[in-house]
């Protein structure tokens, strides 16, 4: 798994990430990994479903990993943030 086929989901509109996934898949990659943390998790699920249902119906879900990451904020205190990785396979 190289850095090229990972799409980090953040606060941009969902269609930006959908376009990134479709572009990578059409560029010859056979798998793309979506990664998101915290509030972006629901956006990552939306991206996976939109790509599968509207753009590339032959796409399959691979592994889905969930975890908790410890993040240090600006004040120096630690908090736990949920994370998800969704693998999309051609």
C-alpha atoms as a PDB file:
ATOM      1  CA  UNK A   1       0.000   0.000   0.000  1.00  0.00           C
ATOM      2  CA  UNK A   2       1.700   3.164  -1.172  1.00  0.00           C
ATOM      3  CA  UNK A   3       0.875   6.749  -0.269  1.00  0.00           C
ATOM      4  CA  UNK A   4      -0.471   7.215  -3.836  1.00  0.00           C
ATOM      5  CA  UNK A   5      -3.621   5.197  -3.302  1.00  0.00           C
ATOM      6  CA  UNK A   6      -4.683   6.689   0.034  1.00  0.00           C
ATOM      7  CA  UNK A   7      -7.357   9.387   0.121  1.00  0.00           C
ATOM      8  CA  UNK A   8      -7.495  11.297   3.404  1.00  0.00           C
ATOM      9  CA  UNK A   9     -11.021  12.531   4.078  1.00  0.00           C
ATOM     10  CA  UNK A  10     -11.331  15.970   5.681  1.00  0.00           C
ATOM     11  CA  UNK A  11     -13.710  18.925   5.534  1.00  0.00           C
ATOM     12  CA  UNK A  12     -13.970  19.448   1.785  1.00  0.00           C
ATOM     13  CA  UNK A  13     -17.225  18.667  -0.057  1.00  0.00           C
ATOM     14  CA  UNK A  14     -17.922  14.957  -0.594  1.00  0.00           C
ATOM     15  CA  UNK A  15     -17.702  15.218  -4.383  1.00  0.00           C
ATOM     16  CA  UNK A  16     -14.068  16.373  -4.189  1.00  0.00           C
ATOM     17  CA  UNK A  17     -13.145  13.038  -2.595  1.00  0.00           C
ATOM     18  CA  UNK A  18     -15.397  11.066  -4.959  1.00  0.00           C
ATOM     19  CA  UNK A  19     -13.559  12.662  -7.891  1.00  0.00           C
ATOM     20  CA  UNK A  20     -10.191  11.781  -6.327  1.00  0.00           C
ATOM     21  CA  UNK A  21     -11.182   8.108  -5.937  1.00  0.00           C
ATOM     22  CA  UNK A  22     -12.654   7.809  -9.452  1.00  0.00           C
ATOM     23  CA  UNK A  23      -9.576   9.525 -10.942  1.00  0.00           C
ATOM     24  CA  UNK A  24      -7.210   7.118  -9.190  1.00  0.00           C
ATOM     25  CA  UNK A  25      -9.245   4.060 -10.186  1.00  0.00           C
ATOM     26  CA  UNK A  26      -9.423   5.199 -13.828  1.00  0.00           C
ATOM     27  CA  UNK A  27      -5.669   5.823 -13.692  1.00  0.00           C
ATOM     28  CA  UNK A  28      -5.067   2.109 -13.321  1.00  0.00           C
ATOM     29  CA  UNK A  29      -5.018   1.531  -9.561  1.00  0.00           C
ATOM     30  CA  UNK A  30      -6.869  -1.584  -8.410  1.00  0.00           C
ATOM     31  CA  UNK A  31      -7.350  -0.442  -4.814  1.00  0.00           C
ATOM     32  CA  UNK A  32      -7.868   2.831  -2.972  1.00  0.00           C
ATOM     33  CA  UNK A  33      -7.912   3.302   0.796  1.00  0.00           C
ATOM     34  CA  UNK A  34     -10.126   5.969   2.356  1.00  0.00           C
ATOM     35  CA  UNK A  35      -8.920   7.227   5.743  1.00  0.00           C
ATOM     36  CA  UNK A  36     -10.860   9.504   8.075  1.00  0.00           C
ATOM     37  CA  UNK A  37     -10.937  10.552  11.714  1.00  0.00           C
ATOM     38  CA  UNK A  38     -13.603  12.003  13.978  1.00  0.00           C
ATOM     39  CA  UNK A  39     -16.442  13.869  12.294  1.00  0.00           C
ATOM     40  CA  UNK A  40     -15.092  13.039   8.826  1.00  0.00           C
ATOM     41  CA  UNK A  41     -15.952   9.334   9.275  1.00  0.00           C
ATOM     42  CA  UNK A  42     -19.508   9.806   7.996  1.00  0.00           C
ATOM     43  CA  UNK A  43     -18.124  11.704   4.989  1.00  0.00           C
ATOM     44  CA  UNK A  44     -15.797   8.757   4.214  1.00  0.00           C
ATOM     45  CA  UNK A  45     -18.753   6.358   4.264  1.00  0.00           C
ATOM     46  CA  UNK A  46     -20.669   8.727   1.950  1.00  0.00           C
ATOM     47  CA  UNK A  47     -17.704   8.836  -0.464  1.00  0.00           C
ATOM     48  CA  UNK A  48     -17.474   5.030  -0.576  1.00  0.00           C
ATOM     49  CA  UNK A  49     -21.208   4.633  -1.196  1.00  0.00           C
ATOM     50  CA  UNK A  50     -21.436   7.362  -3.853  1.00  0.00           C
ATOM     51  CA  UNK A  51     -18.469   5.923  -5.769  1.00  0.00           C
ATOM     52  CA  UNK A  52     -19.905   2.390  -5.596  1.00  0.00           C
ATOM     53  CA  UNK A  53     -23.518   3.274  -6.422  1.00  0.00           C
ATOM     54  CA  UNK A  54     -23.238   6.144  -8.902  1.00  0.00           C
ATOM     55  CA  UNK A  55     -19.844   5.974 -10.635  1.00  0.00           C
ATOM     56  CA  UNK A  56     -18.240   2.524 -10.473  1.00  0.00           C
ATOM     57  CA  UNK A  57     -20.737  -0.261  -9.855  1.00  0.00           C
ATOM     58  CA  UNK A  58     -18.023  -2.933 -10.252  1.00  0.00           C
ATOM     59  CA  UNK A  59     -16.211  -1.647  -7.153  1.00  0.00           C
ATOM     60  CA  UNK A  60     -16.166  -3.843  -4.042  1.00  0.00           C
ATOM     61  CA  UNK A  61     -15.546  -3.096  -0.400  1.00  0.00           C
ATOM     62  CA  UNK A  62     -12.378  -4.641   0.973  1.00  0.00           C
ATOM     63  CA  UNK A  63     -11.429  -4.494   4.612  1.00  0.00           C
ATOM     64  CA  UNK A  64     -12.883  -1.868   6.918  1.00  0.00           C
ATOM     65  CA  UNK A  65     -10.763  -1.076   9.966  1.00  0.00           C
ATOM     66  CA  UNK A  66     -11.873   1.024  12.909  1.00  0.00           C
ATOM     67  CA  UNK A  67      -9.605   2.273  15.649  1.00  0.00           C
ATOM     68  CA  UNK A  68      -9.046   4.959  18.260  1.00  0.00           C
ATOM     69  CA  UNK A  69      -6.119   7.350  17.982  1.00  0.00           C
ATOM     70  CA  UNK A  70      -4.781   9.518  20.779  1.00  0.00           C
ATOM     71  CA  UNK A  71      -4.375  13.116  19.625  1.00  0.00           C
ATOM     72  CA  UNK A  72      -2.652  15.962  21.456  1.00  0.00           C
ATOM     73  CA  UNK A  73      -4.505  19.265  21.083  1.00  0.00           C
ATOM     74  CA  UNK A  74      -3.116  22.815  21.214  1.00  0.00           C
ATOM     75  CA  UNK A  75      -3.425  23.066  24.990  1.00  0.00           C
ATOM     76  CA  UNK A  76      -1.232  19.987  25.378  1.00  0.00           C
ATOM     77  CA  UNK A  77      -3.911  17.609  26.627  1.00  0.00           C
ATOM     78  CA  UNK A  78      -4.668  14.284  24.989  1.00  0.00           C
ATOM     79  CA  UNK A  79      -8.023  13.157  23.630  1.00  0.00           C
ATOM     80  CA  UNK A  80      -9.187  10.025  21.861  1.00  0.00           C
ATOM     81  CA  UNK A  81     -10.429  10.297  18.277  1.00  0.00           C
ATOM     82  CA  UNK A  82     -12.158   7.515  16.349  1.00  0.00           C
ATOM     83  CA  UNK A  83     -10.672   6.579  12.972  1.00  0.00           C
ATOM     84  CA  UNK A  84     -11.780   4.443  10.025  1.00  0.00           C
ATOM     85  CA  UNK A  85     -10.071   2.945   6.975  1.00  0.00           C
ATOM     86  CA  UNK A  86     -12.230   1.763   4.075  1.00  0.00           C
ATOM     87  CA  UNK A  87     -10.600  -0.263   1.292  1.00  0.00           C
ATOM     88  CA  UNK A  88     -12.176  -0.063  -2.170  1.00  0.00           C
ATOM     89  CA  UNK A  89     -11.216  -2.771  -4.684  1.00  0.00           C
ATOM     90  CA  UNK A  90     -11.741  -2.931  -8.436  1.00  0.00           C
END
